[in-house]
Every structure is written in C-alpha cells, then in structure tokens.
Amino acid sequence: MTPGTLYVVATPLGHLGDLTQRAADVLRTVPVVAAEDTRRTIGLLDHLGARPRLLSFHAHSPERRTGALLEILQGGRDVALVTDAGTPTLSDPGAALVAAVRDAGLAVVPIPGPSAVAAALSGAGLPADRFLFLGFIPRKGRERRRLLAQAVASEWTVVLYEAPPRLVALLEDLAEAAGPGRRAVIARELTKIHEEWRRGTVEELARHYADHPPRGELTIVLEGASETPVGTGPEPDPAGRARELIAGGATRKAAAALLVEELGLSRNAAYRIVTGLS
C-alpha cells in the first residue's frame, strides 16, 4: 500500500480570492483535513464545495492526535494541514506534525500561498532583503526582555505579531528599548474589508493606538537598527560589543540585555559595562 501525503496548505488571511488554485484542488480531493479551528475551516470548505473528514489539530492537541494522523497517512490516505489563516507552522501549529511525518519516512508537500509576514513586508516600505521574524512576544518575563532586546538591536527589519489589547504595551516597550525615533509600520486586518496601514515612529504609534484601540489581526514591521552589519570576526570584548550595539541604535538597557544573552554576563556586570561607557 502506498502511504498518503501530508499537504501543508496555506489558506487566505481574509480574502477568499487569495486561495491558490492548487490549494483549492487539494482541499477538494483530500479525504482528511487537519484544522487548527474546525469551525473556521468549515466555512472555507463550504465555499469550495469540499466534504473531507475534518479533524481538530491545534497547539494544545494531545500526542495521540499526531499518532492518529500518522495512522491515516500510513493507511494510504492523504491529509491536508491548515490553520485559521495563512501558512501553517509560521507562528501557527503544525511543525511538530510535519516533523513526526518526516521522521516516519512519509511525504510532506507544502502548498504555498498567503502569509501575513510576506504581505506585511511587501507593503511596509522597509528593507526586506533580510529580516528577522519573532512572531508573538511573550507577555512578560525574561524571555520578553530578551526578544525585545534582539528586536531593537537587529540590523535587519523585524516582523512581530501582537494581539490588539497588548499592542500599545509592545510599542511602548519598543520605544523604551530602541528610542522613540525608531520607525515601524502596523498592518491591520490584511486582505480584509477593514485593512489598514499606519506608519510612524514607535512612540507616535503607541500614542495613536492608546487613543484608538485597534481591533483585528495585527502585524508589526519594525525598522532595523542599522544598515551596516555588525562586523564578523573574533567575538568582541564586552565593552566593545556594547559600543557596537549602542552605535546601531540600541538603548543602554537593550544593550545590557543582549550582553547577558550573547556573552553570558550577569545582569549587574552588563549594566556596569554599559553605564560606564563614555
């Protein structure tokens, strides 16, 4: 018996016209669709006139669901993996399933298409030849501080996701870490009726959204700290590395956080170094 194939299918962010013909063909012909939210996927399948067996597969699915999907594939039936919108595994569930399918020696075929990351970069007007994608930043704690420090120190454009109630806090933290003059673009409700783009400094954007609370899906595109790459070569000494980070646009607070992450310094040692710079 020939095993089935796992198709990783990108679905529209909002506008159904963005579904590729190939994706539509797959969703109409596969016997099983594994969906992040079956209630949302039913609408897309109804639009296509597709009637596959629909199984739930999301970030909190138990391991037995992965096992059940492997059994379906090993039994010769194809499976399409979809998320609520966009491309599976990009800040969406699916990576663990793809890894398990590949580990089992079965075929994985991506069906490319819509992605909020690519859409936001294409319309933001910031350099996109290289970029850093950080997805959703944790709400608090050391990991949030570490990722914010990486974001503001990156020489490349940075793409983040955020939920509407937390956007202002994120922008305020970015302004504190990067300085109020760092530019950013907020792409809201991409491809939907109320699509909106807003460009400004992180400080300006924080003030705007404090007065006009956002709704819907949000993608943040943050300007890079510098167009000049950090030099390659021997690892710099802590003070030298701190000067590079600050020269690239990072605040002293952000530079200290990166010294802790990159060089393994204690927080107190890192702050002593950055505060001691002339």
Protein backbone atom coordinates (compact mmCIF):
# COMPACT_ATOMS: atom_id res chain seq x y z
CA MET A 1 0.00 0.00 0.00
CA THR A 2 1.31 3.43 -0.91
CA PRO A 3 1.33 5.77 2.12
CA GLY A 4 -0.55 9.05 1.98
CA THR A 5 0.95 12.53 1.72
CA LEU A 6 0.71 15.37 4.21
CA TYR A 7 -0.09 18.59 2.36
CA VAL A 8 0.75 21.77 4.28
CA VAL A 9 -1.78 24.17 2.79
CA ALA A 10 -1.67 27.97 3.06
CA THR A 11 -5.16 29.48 3.30
CA PRO A 12 -6.38 33.08 2.88
CA LEU A 13 -5.73 35.68 5.55
CA GLY A 14 -9.19 37.02 4.85
CA HIS A 15 -9.94 37.46 1.15
CA LEU A 16 -11.05 34.12 -0.29
CA GLY A 17 -9.78 35.16 -3.70
CA ASP A 18 -6.24 34.70 -2.41
CA LEU A 19 -6.62 30.91 -2.20
CA THR A 20 -4.48 29.39 -4.95
CA GLN A 21 -5.99 27.00 -7.46
CA ARG A 22 -3.60 24.29 -6.32
CA ALA A 23 -4.68 24.73 -2.68
CA ALA A 24 -8.34 24.58 -3.72
CA ASP A 25 -7.72 21.39 -5.69
CA VAL A 26 -6.01 19.75 -2.72
CA LEU A 27 -8.75 20.69 -0.27
CA ARG A 28 -11.41 19.35 -2.66
CA THR A 29 -9.70 15.99 -3.14
CA VAL A 30 -8.04 15.00 0.17
CA PRO A 31 -10.12 12.69 2.35
CA VAL A 32 -8.94 14.29 5.62
CA VAL A 33 -8.24 17.88 6.70
CA ALA A 34 -6.48 18.61 9.99
CA ALA A 35 -7.53 22.13 11.06
CA GLU A 36 -6.50 24.50 13.84
CA ASP A 37 -10.14 25.52 14.34
CA THR A 38 -12.65 23.28 12.60
CA ARG A 39 -15.41 25.91 12.96
CA ARG A 40 -13.44 28.41 10.87
CA THR A 41 -12.25 25.86 8.33
CA ILE A 42 -15.80 24.63 7.65
CA GLY A 43 -16.56 27.99 6.06
CA LEU A 44 -13.66 27.68 3.63
CA LEU A 45 -14.54 24.08 2.76
CA ASP A 46 -18.19 25.02 2.18
CA HIS A 47 -17.01 27.80 -0.15
CA LEU A 48 -15.11 25.16 -2.15
CA GLY A 49 -17.88 22.57 -2.03
CA ALA A 50 -15.41 20.22 -0.29
CA ARG A 51 -16.55 17.48 2.11
CA PRO A 52 -13.45 15.87 3.68
CA ARG A 53 -13.37 14.37 7.14
CA LEU A 54 -12.42 17.28 9.43
CA LEU A 55 -10.16 16.70 12.45
CA SER A 56 -9.02 19.24 15.00
CA PHE A 57 -5.27 19.82 15.25
CA HIS A 58 -4.01 22.80 17.24
CA ALA A 59 -1.19 23.87 19.56
CA HIS A 60 -2.70 22.01 22.52
CA SER A 61 -3.70 18.80 20.75
CA PRO A 62 -2.59 15.66 22.60
CA GLU A 63 0.12 13.45 21.16
CA ARG A 64 -2.47 10.83 20.31
CA ARG A 65 -3.89 13.16 17.66
CA THR A 66 -0.50 13.21 15.93
CA GLY A 67 -0.48 9.42 16.18
CA ALA A 68 -3.96 9.22 14.67
CA LEU A 69 -2.93 11.39 11.72
CA LEU A 70 0.17 9.23 11.19
CA GLU A 71 -2.04 6.14 11.10
CA ILE A 72 -4.25 7.78 8.48
CA LEU A 73 -1.23 8.58 6.32
CA GLN A 74 0.29 5.14 6.79
CA GLY A 75 -3.06 3.67 5.78
CA GLY A 76 -2.76 5.32 2.37
CA ARG A 77 -4.97 8.39 2.80
CA ASP A 78 -3.76 11.96 2.19
CA VAL A 79 -4.13 14.69 4.82
CA ALA A 80 -4.20 18.46 4.37
CA LEU A 81 -2.96 20.56 7.30
CA VAL A 82 -4.46 24.06 7.57
CA THR A 83 -4.55 26.81 10.18
CA ASP A 84 -7.09 29.56 10.74
CA ALA A 85 -5.36 31.77 8.17
CA GLY A 86 -2.03 31.94 6.40
CA THR A 87 0.74 29.36 6.28
CA PRO A 88 0.89 26.53 8.85
CA THR A 89 3.95 26.36 11.14
CA LEU A 90 4.66 30.13 10.84
CA SER A 91 3.64 31.13 14.39
CA ASP A 92 0.86 28.58 13.93
CA PRO A 93 0.57 24.89 14.86
CA GLY A 94 1.98 22.20 12.61
CA ALA A 95 5.75 21.98 13.00
CA ALA A 96 5.56 19.00 15.37
CA LEU A 97 3.24 17.12 13.00
CA VAL A 98 5.45 17.86 9.99
CA ALA A 99 8.49 16.62 11.93
CA ALA A 100 6.68 13.44 13.01
CA VAL A 101 5.57 12.73 9.44
CA ARG A 102 9.08 13.22 8.10
CA ASP A 103 10.55 11.08 10.90
CA ALA A 104 8.15 8.32 9.83
CA GLY A 105 9.55 8.49 6.31
CA LEU A 106 6.33 9.83 4.83
CA ALA A 107 5.93 12.58 2.23
CA VAL A 108 5.31 16.22 3.13
CA VAL A 109 4.31 18.62 0.34
CA PRO A 110 3.90 22.35 1.05
CA ILE A 111 1.22 24.20 -0.91
CA PRO A 112 2.48 27.79 -0.64
CA GLY A 113 0.28 30.83 -0.54
CA PRO A 114 -0.81 33.63 1.80
CA SER A 115 1.40 34.67 4.71
CA ALA A 116 0.95 37.73 6.94
CA VAL A 117 4.73 38.03 7.21
CA ALA A 118 5.25 38.32 3.45
CA ALA A 119 2.19 40.53 2.97
CA ALA A 120 3.26 42.98 5.68
CA LEU A 121 6.84 43.16 4.42
CA SER A 122 5.70 43.73 0.85
CA GLY A 123 3.57 46.71 1.82
CA ALA A 124 5.57 48.28 4.63
CA GLY A 125 8.20 50.08 2.59
CA LEU A 126 11.05 48.91 4.82
CA PRO A 127 14.02 46.81 3.58
CA ALA A 128 13.06 43.15 3.21
CA ASP A 129 16.08 41.58 1.55
CA ARG A 130 16.86 40.24 5.02
CA PHE A 131 14.54 40.26 8.01
CA LEU A 132 14.05 38.78 11.48
CA PHE A 133 10.69 37.20 12.32
CA LEU A 134 9.93 36.90 16.04
CA GLY A 135 6.20 36.13 15.97
CA PHE A 136 4.33 36.76 19.21
CA ILE A 137 6.48 38.16 22.03
CA PRO A 138 5.75 36.70 25.50
CA ARG A 139 3.63 38.97 27.67
CA LYS A 140 6.22 39.36 30.43
CA GLY A 141 9.35 37.97 32.00
CA ARG A 142 12.91 37.34 30.98
CA GLU A 143 12.04 35.90 27.56
CA ARG A 144 10.09 39.04 26.66
CA ARG A 145 13.03 41.23 27.64
CA ARG A 146 15.44 39.04 25.69
CA LEU A 147 13.37 39.07 22.49
CA LEU A 148 12.70 42.80 22.71
CA ALA A 149 16.44 43.37 23.06
CA GLN A 150 17.06 41.25 19.98
CA ALA A 151 14.37 43.10 18.05
CA VAL A 152 15.70 46.58 18.72
CA ALA A 153 19.35 45.60 18.18
CA SER A 154 18.72 43.78 14.88
CA GLU A 155 20.30 45.46 11.88
CA TRP A 156 17.51 43.99 9.77
CA THR A 157 13.81 44.73 9.60
CA VAL A 158 11.89 42.82 12.29
CA VAL A 159 8.37 41.37 11.96
CA LEU A 160 6.23 40.67 15.01
CA TYR A 161 2.66 39.63 15.72
CA GLU A 162 0.58 41.02 18.57
CA ALA A 163 -2.95 40.80 19.91
CA PRO A 164 -4.91 44.09 19.89
CA PRO A 165 -5.17 44.54 23.69
CA ARG A 166 -1.36 44.26 24.01
CA LEU A 167 -0.26 46.40 21.06
CA VAL A 168 0.22 49.66 22.99
CA ALA A 169 2.32 47.93 25.67
CA LEU A 170 4.51 46.38 22.97
CA LEU A 171 5.01 49.70 21.19
CA GLU A 172 5.82 51.44 24.48
CA ASP A 173 8.38 48.76 25.34
CA LEU A 174 9.93 49.08 21.88
CA ALA A 175 10.12 52.85 22.29
CA GLU A 176 11.83 52.45 25.66
CA ALA A 177 14.31 49.91 24.33
CA ALA A 178 15.02 51.35 20.88
CA GLY A 179 14.41 55.02 21.48
CA PRO A 180 11.26 56.90 20.46
CA GLY A 181 12.51 57.66 16.94
CA ARG A 182 12.59 54.09 15.60
CA ARG A 183 10.12 53.73 12.74
CA ALA A 184 7.55 50.98 12.40
CA VAL A 185 4.54 50.02 10.31
CA ILE A 186 1.36 48.46 11.67
CA ALA A 187 -0.53 46.30 9.18
CA ARG A 188 -4.03 45.56 10.45
CA GLU A 189 -6.63 43.15 9.05
CA LEU A 190 -4.55 42.27 5.98
CA THR A 191 -6.62 41.47 2.87
CA LYS A 192 -9.88 42.07 4.76
CA ILE A 193 -12.52 44.80 4.33
CA HIS A 194 -11.03 46.98 7.06
CA GLU A 195 -7.38 46.58 6.04
CA GLU A 196 -5.33 49.45 7.46
CA TRP A 197 -1.70 50.52 7.30
CA ARG A 198 -0.19 53.04 9.69
CA ARG A 199 3.41 54.21 9.57
CA GLY A 200 5.30 56.30 12.11
CA THR A 201 7.74 56.15 14.99
CA VAL A 202 7.03 53.61 17.71
CA GLU A 203 6.27 56.48 20.08
CA GLU A 204 3.78 58.06 17.64
CA LEU A 205 2.12 54.72 17.01
CA ALA A 206 1.84 53.99 20.74
CA ARG A 207 0.07 57.33 21.27
CA HIS A 208 -2.26 56.76 18.33
CA TYR A 209 -3.36 53.30 19.40
CA ALA A 210 -3.73 54.39 23.03
CA ASP A 211 -6.37 56.83 21.76
CA HIS A 212 -7.76 54.50 19.09
CA PRO A 213 -7.67 50.91 20.41
CA PRO A 214 -7.08 48.54 17.47
CA ARG A 215 -9.19 45.56 16.51
CA GLY A 216 -8.44 42.52 14.37
CA GLU A 217 -5.23 40.81 13.32
CA LEU A 218 -2.03 42.87 13.68
CA THR A 219 1.41 42.55 12.12
CA ILE A 220 4.18 44.92 13.24
CA VAL A 221 7.12 45.70 10.96
CA LEU A 222 9.97 47.39 12.85
CA GLU A 223 12.79 49.28 11.18
CA GLY A 224 16.25 47.77 11.61
CA ALA A 225 18.73 49.41 13.94
CA SER A 226 21.39 49.92 11.29
CA GLU A 227 22.03 49.27 7.63
CA THR A 228 25.63 48.37 8.45
CA PRO A 229 26.11 44.74 9.52
CA VAL A 230 27.90 44.04 12.74
CA GLY A 231 31.47 43.08 11.93
CA THR A 232 32.33 39.45 11.59
CA GLY A 233 35.47 38.15 13.15
CA PRO A 234 36.61 37.45 16.71
CA GLU A 235 33.99 37.87 19.42
CA PRO A 236 34.34 41.44 20.70
CA ASP A 237 35.09 42.24 24.29
CA PRO A 238 32.00 43.19 26.33
CA ALA A 239 32.66 46.93 26.24
CA GLY A 240 33.36 46.81 22.51
CA ARG A 241 30.21 44.81 21.85
CA ALA A 242 28.19 47.27 23.96
CA ARG A 243 29.52 50.19 21.89
CA GLU A 244 28.55 48.39 18.67
CA LEU A 245 25.00 47.81 19.92
CA ILE A 246 24.52 51.39 21.07
CA ALA A 247 26.01 52.75 17.84
CA GLY A 248 23.49 50.58 15.97
CA GLY A 249 20.59 52.25 17.78
CA ALA A 250 20.04 50.13 20.90
CA THR A 251 19.47 51.88 24.20
CA ARG A 252 21.79 51.11 27.09
CA LYS A 253 19.09 48.95 28.65
CA ALA A 254 18.70 46.90 25.47
CA ALA A 255 22.47 46.64 25.03
CA ALA A 256 22.85 45.31 28.57
CA ALA A 257 20.18 42.67 27.96
CA LEU A 258 21.99 41.49 24.83
CA LEU A 259 25.33 41.30 26.65
CA VAL A 260 23.67 38.96 29.13
CA GLU A 261 22.27 36.83 26.29
CA GLU A 262 25.28 36.81 23.96
CA LEU A 263 28.23 36.77 26.35
CA GLY A 264 26.77 35.10 29.42
CA LEU A 265 27.44 38.06 31.70
CA SER A 266 25.46 38.65 34.85
CA ARG A 267 22.90 41.43 34.66
CA ASN A 268 24.83 43.53 37.14
CA ALA A 269 28.06 43.16 35.16
CA ALA A 270 26.31 44.03 31.90
CA TYR A 271 24.77 47.17 33.37
CA ARG A 272 28.09 48.24 34.86
CA ILE A 273 29.68 47.97 31.42
CA VAL A 274 27.02 49.95 29.53
CA THR A 275 26.70 52.64 32.21
CA GLY A 276 30.48 53.01 32.28
CA LEU A 277 30.75 53.83 28.58
CA SER A 278 31.73 57.39 27.79
